[in-house]
Amino acid sequence: MKRVLLAGALLFAGAAAHADAIDTLKAFVSDVKTGRASFTQVVTSPDGAKKKSSNGSFEFARPNRFRFAYAKPYEQLIVGDGQKIWLHDPDLNQVTVRPMGEALGSTPAALLAGSNLDKDFTLKALPDEGGLQWVLATPRQKDSGFQSVKVAFRAKQLAAVEIVDSFGQRSRLDFTQVEANASLPADRFRFTPPPGADVLSQ
């Protein structure tokens, strides 16, 4: 009898933890209007043989404004201003710009900085791993370019995002120095191409 009660208690606890993970993600989207953090990104090839690391900073302001600034090993800046997404490669002195509606959709940036969570993603709680609560977010749009996005929280604070693209390549971003509802100036999410840069519209 005690074993049955224990098993039932463990199952209930697991279900509650999973529900909490989805609730945590929804609360993050609902309550955290701005934020910033440092990140380390590791990209792994589909066969797991090759890995590339980079780091930088991430900022966002809902709805649909964000800034990824990669610092090492190569500088690169991605800015979403609510209307367009700008990608600046300083080494090439090249800027790529595309309409946000076409480029954002069910992407990780939409998950972190957007506001239409249930509209854009199907959510499923995953077992806790590495001391983190994980939620699987599957894009509803078939042509999103991503198979899935996993989001992790530690004590209700954003901790990591793991992305699997349509080719099976895996990217994991681990966040540190996370500051929720940070005071961010509006110009952090504006971008003006540098003088002489080649600007490519898509």
C-alpha atoms as a PDB file:
ATOM      1  CA  MET A   1       0.000   0.000   0.000  1.00  0.00           C
ATOM      2  CA  LYS A   2       2.807   2.381   0.913  1.00  0.00           C
ATOM      3  CA  ARG A   3       4.531   1.689  -2.405  1.00  0.00           C
ATOM      4  CA  VAL A   4       1.350   2.493  -4.314  1.00  0.00           C
ATOM      5  CA  LEU A   5       0.889   5.722  -2.368  1.00  0.00           C
ATOM      6  CA  LEU A   6       4.527   6.665  -2.955  1.00  0.00           C
ATOM      7  CA  ALA A   7       4.267   5.976  -6.680  1.00  0.00           C
ATOM      8  CA  GLY A   8       1.084   8.025  -6.859  1.00  0.00           C
ATOM      9  CA  ALA A   9       2.725  10.886  -4.995  1.00  0.00           C
ATOM     10  CA  LEU A  10       5.714  10.853  -7.349  1.00  0.00           C
ATOM     11  CA  LEU A  11       3.470  10.851 -10.402  1.00  0.00           C
ATOM     12  CA  PHE A  12       1.465  13.749  -9.001  1.00  0.00           C
ATOM     13  CA  ALA A  13       4.624  15.676  -8.165  1.00  0.00           C
ATOM     14  CA  GLY A  14       5.959  15.121 -11.692  1.00  0.00           C
ATOM     15  CA  ALA A  15       2.712  16.290 -13.275  1.00  0.00           C
ATOM     16  CA  ALA A  16       2.680  19.372 -11.053  1.00  0.00           C
ATOM     17  CA  ALA A  17       6.279  20.186 -11.963  1.00  0.00           C
ATOM     18  CA  HIS A  18       5.478  19.865 -15.658  1.00  0.00           C
ATOM     19  CA  ALA A  19       2.450  22.123 -15.324  1.00  0.00           C
ATOM     20  CA  ASP A  20       4.582  24.628 -13.459  1.00  0.00           C
ATOM     21  CA  ALA A  21       7.115  24.676 -16.314  1.00  0.00           C
ATOM     22  CA  ILE A  22       4.479  25.742 -18.839  1.00  0.00           C
ATOM     23  CA  ASP A  23       3.014  28.208 -16.345  1.00  0.00           C
ATOM     24  CA  THR A  24       6.500  29.664 -15.838  1.00  0.00           C
ATOM     25  CA  LEU A  25       6.946  30.186 -19.578  1.00  0.00           C
ATOM     26  CA  LYS A  26       3.515  31.790 -19.895  1.00  0.00           C
ATOM     27  CA  ALA A  27       4.237  34.042 -16.912  1.00  0.00           C
ATOM     28  CA  PHE A  28       7.560  35.015 -18.514  1.00  0.00           C
ATOM     29  CA  VAL A  29       5.781  36.051 -21.724  1.00  0.00           C
ATOM     30  CA  SER A  30       2.990  37.814 -19.821  1.00  0.00           C
ATOM     31  CA  ASP A  31       4.868  39.543 -17.003  1.00  0.00           C
ATOM     32  CA  VAL A  32       8.400  40.176 -18.254  1.00  0.00           C
ATOM     33  CA  LYS A  33       8.029  43.098 -20.647  1.00  0.00           C
ATOM     34  CA  THR A  34      11.733  43.828 -21.100  1.00  0.00           C
ATOM     35  CA  GLY A  35      14.935  42.023 -20.291  1.00  0.00           C
ATOM     36  CA  ARG A  36      18.626  41.668 -20.903  1.00  0.00           C
ATOM     37  CA  ALA A  37      21.232  38.988 -20.370  1.00  0.00           C
ATOM     38  CA  SER A  38      24.605  37.711 -21.457  1.00  0.00           C
ATOM     39  CA  PHE A  39      24.702  34.444 -23.365  1.00  0.00           C
ATOM     40  CA  THR A  40      27.003  31.694 -24.545  1.00  0.00           C
ATOM     41  CA  GLN A  41      25.892  29.846 -27.684  1.00  0.00           C
ATOM     42  CA  VAL A  42      27.045  26.418 -28.829  1.00  0.00           C
ATOM     43  CA  VAL A  43      26.020  25.213 -32.291  1.00  0.00           C
ATOM     44  CA  THR A  44      26.261  21.470 -32.923  1.00  0.00           C
ATOM     45  CA  SER A  45      26.107  19.831 -36.348  1.00  0.00           C
ATOM     46  CA  PRO A  46      23.346  17.263 -37.019  1.00  0.00           C
ATOM     47  CA  ASP A  47      25.805  14.365 -36.543  1.00  0.00           C
ATOM     48  CA  GLY A  48      27.140  15.906 -33.321  1.00  0.00           C
ATOM     49  CA  ALA A  49      30.696  15.949 -34.681  1.00  0.00           C
ATOM     50  CA  LYS A  50      31.245  19.702 -35.009  1.00  0.00           C
ATOM     51  CA  LYS A  51      30.662  22.414 -32.446  1.00  0.00           C
ATOM     52  CA  LYS A  52      31.050  26.175 -32.676  1.00  0.00           C
ATOM     53  CA  SER A  53      30.915  28.511 -29.694  1.00  0.00           C
ATOM     54  CA  SER A  54      30.129  32.221 -29.509  1.00  0.00           C
ATOM     55  CA  ASN A  55      28.992  34.699 -26.894  1.00  0.00           C
ATOM     56  CA  GLY A  56      27.343  38.062 -26.596  1.00  0.00           C
ATOM     57  CA  SER A  57      24.392  39.912 -25.123  1.00  0.00           C
ATOM     58  CA  PHE A  58      20.638  39.773 -25.607  1.00  0.00           C
ATOM     59  CA  GLU A  59      17.991  42.420 -24.948  1.00  0.00           C
ATOM     60  CA  PHE A  60      14.276  42.521 -25.687  1.00  0.00           C
ATOM     61  CA  ALA A  61      11.177  44.662 -25.259  1.00  0.00           C
ATOM     62  CA  ARG A  62       7.719  43.369 -26.055  1.00  0.00           C
ATOM     63  CA  PRO A  63       6.212  43.260 -28.543  1.00  0.00           C
ATOM     64  CA  ASN A  64       8.747  42.028 -31.085  1.00  0.00           C
ATOM     65  CA  ARG A  65      11.757  44.215 -30.353  1.00  0.00           C
ATOM     66  CA  PHE A  66      15.052  42.509 -29.637  1.00  0.00           C
ATOM     67  CA  ARG A  67      18.801  42.855 -29.981  1.00  0.00           C
ATOM     68  CA  PHE A  68      21.352  40.036 -30.248  1.00  0.00           C
ATOM     69  CA  ALA A  69      24.909  41.391 -30.154  1.00  0.00           C
ATOM     70  CA  TYR A  70      27.507  38.685 -30.816  1.00  0.00           C
ATOM     71  CA  ALA A  71      30.966  39.636 -29.567  1.00  0.00           C
ATOM     72  CA  LYS A  72      33.188  36.559 -30.003  1.00  0.00           C
ATOM     73  CA  PRO A  73      34.575  34.970 -32.072  1.00  0.00           C
ATOM     74  CA  TYR A  74      33.053  37.341 -34.663  1.00  0.00           C
ATOM     75  CA  GLU A  75      31.012  40.488 -34.203  1.00  0.00           C
ATOM     76  CA  GLN A  76      27.480  40.389 -35.523  1.00  0.00           C
ATOM     77  CA  LEU A  77      24.384  42.369 -34.631  1.00  0.00           C
ATOM     78  CA  ILE A  78      20.737  41.347 -35.101  1.00  0.00           C
ATOM     79  CA  VAL A  79      18.103  43.980 -34.307  1.00  0.00           C
ATOM     80  CA  GLY A  80      14.336  43.614 -34.475  1.00  0.00           C
ATOM     81  CA  ASP A  81      12.663  47.039 -34.351  1.00  0.00           C
ATOM     82  CA  GLY A  82       9.069  45.830 -34.441  1.00  0.00           C
ATOM     83  CA  GLN A  83       8.789  46.334 -38.206  1.00  0.00           C
ATOM     84  CA  LYS A  84      11.999  44.978 -39.679  1.00  0.00           C
ATOM     85  CA  ILE A  85      14.863  42.680 -38.732  1.00  0.00           C
ATOM     86  CA  TRP A  86      18.360  43.992 -39.388  1.00  0.00           C
ATOM     87  CA  LEU A  87      21.468  41.810 -39.523  1.00  0.00           C
ATOM     88  CA  HIS A  88      24.798  43.642 -39.567  1.00  0.00           C
ATOM     89  CA  ASP A  89      28.091  41.908 -40.326  1.00  0.00           C
ATOM     90  CA  PRO A  90      30.874  44.445 -39.547  1.00  0.00           C
ATOM     91  CA  ASP A  91      33.617  42.315 -41.143  1.00  0.00           C
ATOM     92  CA  LEU A  92      31.798  42.378 -44.489  1.00  0.00           C
ATOM     93  CA  ASN A  93      30.341  45.853 -43.890  1.00  0.00           C
ATOM     94  CA  GLN A  94      27.053  44.315 -44.987  1.00  0.00           C
ATOM     95  CA  VAL A  95      23.505  44.741 -43.721  1.00  0.00           C
ATOM     96  CA  THR A  96      20.618  42.392 -44.500  1.00  0.00           C
ATOM     97  CA  VAL A  97      17.087  43.620 -43.815  1.00  0.00           C
ATOM     98  CA  ARG A  98      13.755  41.869 -44.094  1.00  0.00           C
ATOM     99  CA  PRO A  99      10.173  42.556 -42.974  1.00  0.00           C
ATOM    100  CA  MET A 100       9.560  41.270 -39.462  1.00  0.00           C
ATOM    101  CA  GLY A 101       6.252  39.651 -40.359  1.00  0.00           C
ATOM    102  CA  GLU A 102       7.981  37.368 -42.864  1.00  0.00           C
ATOM    103  CA  ALA A 103      11.105  36.700 -40.823  1.00  0.00           C
ATOM    104  CA  LEU A 104       9.831  36.377 -37.257  1.00  0.00           C
ATOM    105  CA  GLY A 105       6.835  34.037 -37.215  1.00  0.00           C
ATOM    106  CA  SER A 106       7.317  30.986 -35.018  1.00  0.00           C
ATOM    107  CA  THR A 107      11.002  31.598 -34.319  1.00  0.00           C
ATOM    108  CA  PRO A 108      12.969  31.613 -31.054  1.00  0.00           C
ATOM    109  CA  ALA A 109      13.011  35.418 -31.158  1.00  0.00           C
ATOM    110  CA  ALA A 110       9.202  35.390 -31.345  1.00  0.00           C
ATOM    111  CA  LEU A 111       9.116  33.009 -28.395  1.00  0.00           C
ATOM    112  CA  LEU A 112      11.341  35.232 -26.246  1.00  0.00           C
ATOM    113  CA  ALA A 113      10.223  38.691 -27.370  1.00  0.00           C
ATOM    114  CA  GLY A 114       6.779  38.144 -28.872  1.00  0.00           C
ATOM    115  CA  SER A 115       3.360  38.035 -27.272  1.00  0.00           C
ATOM    116  CA  ASN A 116       1.393  35.344 -29.202  1.00  0.00           C
ATOM    117  CA  LEU A 117       2.701  32.247 -27.440  1.00  0.00           C
ATOM    118  CA  ASP A 118      -0.311  29.943 -27.854  1.00  0.00           C
ATOM    119  CA  LYS A 119      -0.978  31.223 -31.370  1.00  0.00           C
ATOM    120  CA  ASP A 120       2.542  30.534 -32.625  1.00  0.00           C
ATOM    121  CA  PHE A 121       3.577  27.430 -30.647  1.00  0.00           C
ATOM    122  CA  THR A 122       2.329  24.124 -29.287  1.00  0.00           C
ATOM    123  CA  LEU A 123       3.695  23.707 -25.760  1.00  0.00           C
ATOM    124  CA  LYS A 124       4.686  20.522 -23.965  1.00  0.00           C
ATOM    125  CA  ALA A 125       6.326  20.216 -20.556  1.00  0.00           C
ATOM    126  CA  LEU A 126       9.478  18.075 -20.400  1.00  0.00           C
ATOM    127  CA  PRO A 127      11.131  16.340 -17.444  1.00  0.00           C
ATOM    128  CA  ASP A 128      13.451  18.508 -15.383  1.00  0.00           C
ATOM    129  CA  GLU A 129      17.073  18.171 -16.444  1.00  0.00           C
ATOM    130  CA  GLY A 130      20.269  19.658 -15.050  1.00  0.00           C
ATOM    131  CA  GLY A 131      18.366  21.467 -12.326  1.00  0.00           C
ATOM    132  CA  LEU A 132      16.254  23.259 -14.948  1.00  0.00           C
ATOM    133  CA  GLN A 133      12.562  23.204 -15.853  1.00  0.00           C
ATOM    134  CA  TRP A 134      12.156  22.604 -19.593  1.00  0.00           C
ATOM    135  CA  VAL A 135       9.303  23.370 -21.991  1.00  0.00           C
ATOM    136  CA  LEU A 136       9.182  22.156 -25.599  1.00  0.00           C
ATOM    137  CA  ALA A 137       7.715  24.733 -27.992  1.00  0.00           C
ATOM    138  CA  THR A 138       6.890  23.364 -31.449  1.00  0.00           C
ATOM    139  CA  PRO A 139       6.159  26.014 -34.107  1.00  0.00           C
ATOM    140  CA  ARG A 140       2.687  25.822 -35.600  1.00  0.00           C
ATOM    141  CA  GLN A 141       3.935  27.167 -38.934  1.00  0.00           C
ATOM    142  CA  LYS A 142       5.418  24.363 -41.003  1.00  0.00           C
ATOM    143  CA  ASP A 143       7.765  26.718 -42.881  1.00  0.00           C
ATOM    144  CA  SER A 144       9.219  28.374 -39.759  1.00  0.00           C
ATOM    145  CA  GLY A 145      12.682  26.918 -40.415  1.00  0.00           C
ATOM    146  CA  PHE A 146      12.764  25.245 -36.987  1.00  0.00           C
ATOM    147  CA  GLN A 147      11.778  21.794 -35.811  1.00  0.00           C
ATOM    148  CA  SER A 148      11.541  22.783 -32.170  1.00  0.00           C
ATOM    149  CA  VAL A 149      12.613  25.181 -29.455  1.00  0.00           C
ATOM    150  CA  LYS A 150      13.218  24.173 -25.839  1.00  0.00           C
ATOM    151  CA  VAL A 151      13.153  26.834 -23.145  1.00  0.00           C
ATOM    152  CA  ALA A 152      14.579  26.303 -19.653  1.00  0.00           C
ATOM    153  CA  PHE A 153      14.014  28.167 -16.401  1.00  0.00           C
ATOM    154  CA  ARG A 154      15.797  28.103 -13.080  1.00  0.00           C
ATOM    155  CA  ALA A 155      13.661  29.381 -10.186  1.00  0.00           C
ATOM    156  CA  LYS A 156      11.354  31.079 -12.716  1.00  0.00           C
ATOM    157  CA  GLN A 157      14.286  32.881 -14.350  1.00  0.00           C
ATOM    158  CA  LEU A 158      15.181  32.340 -18.006  1.00  0.00           C
ATOM    159  CA  ALA A 159      18.206  30.026 -18.099  1.00  0.00           C
ATOM    160  CA  ALA A 160      18.608  28.485 -21.560  1.00  0.00           C
ATOM    161  CA  VAL A 161      17.138  28.035 -25.019  1.00  0.00           C
ATOM    162  CA  GLU A 162      17.867  25.074 -27.274  1.00  0.00           C
ATOM    163  CA  ILE A 163      16.908  25.252 -30.948  1.00  0.00           C
ATOM    164  CA  VAL A 164      16.788  22.484 -33.545  1.00  0.00           C
ATOM    165  CA  ASP A 165      16.523  23.858 -37.069  1.00  0.00           C
ATOM    166  CA  SER A 166      14.975  22.193 -40.098  1.00  0.00           C
ATOM    167  CA  PHE A 167      18.346  20.598 -41.000  1.00  0.00           C
ATOM    168  CA  GLY A 168      18.826  19.042 -37.554  1.00  0.00           C
ATOM    169  CA  GLN A 169      21.463  21.549 -36.438  1.00  0.00           C
ATOM    170  CA  ARG A 170      21.244  22.229 -32.703  1.00  0.00           C
ATOM    171  CA  SER A 171      21.936  25.596 -31.079  1.00  0.00           C
ATOM    172  CA  ARG A 172      21.955  26.093 -27.334  1.00  0.00           C
ATOM    173  CA  LEU A 173      22.086  29.471 -25.643  1.00  0.00           C
ATOM    174  CA  ASP A 174      22.828  29.588 -21.916  1.00  0.00           C
ATOM    175  CA  PHE A 175      21.960  32.893 -20.237  1.00  0.00           C
ATOM    176  CA  THR A 176      23.693  34.600 -17.321  1.00  0.00           C
ATOM    177  CA  GLN A 177      23.290  37.992 -15.636  1.00  0.00           C
ATOM    178  CA  VAL A 178      19.598  37.918 -16.472  1.00  0.00           C
ATOM    179  CA  GLU A 179      17.738  41.118 -15.621  1.00  0.00           C
ATOM    180  CA  ALA A 180      13.953  41.007 -16.000  1.00  0.00           C
ATOM    181  CA  ASN A 181      11.953  44.182 -16.657  1.00  0.00           C
ATOM    182  CA  ALA A 182      15.141  46.154 -17.161  1.00  0.00           C
ATOM    183  CA  SER A 183      15.007  49.822 -18.067  1.00  0.00           C
ATOM    184  CA  LEU A 184      16.018  49.847 -21.736  1.00  0.00           C
ATOM    185  CA  PRO A 185      16.109  52.969 -23.941  1.00  0.00           C
ATOM    186  CA  ALA A 186      14.047  52.760 -27.131  1.00  0.00           C
ATOM    187  CA  ASP A 187      17.072  53.396 -29.330  1.00  0.00           C
ATOM    188  CA  ARG A 188      18.513  50.010 -28.327  1.00  0.00           C
ATOM    189  CA  PHE A 189      16.030  48.552 -30.816  1.00  0.00           C
ATOM    190  CA  ARG A 190      16.695  50.941 -33.688  1.00  0.00           C
ATOM    191  CA  PHE A 191      19.273  50.357 -36.371  1.00  0.00           C
ATOM    192  CA  THR A 192      20.780  52.684 -38.948  1.00  0.00           C
ATOM    193  CA  PRO A 193      23.118  51.122 -41.516  1.00  0.00           C
ATOM    194  CA  PRO A 194      26.679  52.451 -41.185  1.00  0.00           C
ATOM    195  CA  PRO A 195      27.970  54.738 -43.951  1.00  0.00           C
ATOM    196  CA  GLY A 196      29.184  52.764 -46.942  1.00  0.00           C
ATOM    197  CA  ALA A 197      27.573  49.478 -45.898  1.00  0.00           C
ATOM    198  CA  ASP A 198      26.000  47.273 -48.547  1.00  0.00           C
ATOM    199  CA  VAL A 199      22.300  46.950 -47.691  1.00  0.00           C
ATOM    200  CA  LEU A 200      20.535  43.851 -48.997  1.00  0.00           C
ATOM    201  CA  SER A 201      16.752  43.620 -48.781  1.00  0.00           C
ATOM    202  CA  GLN A 202      15.050  40.239 -48.662  1.00  0.00           C
END
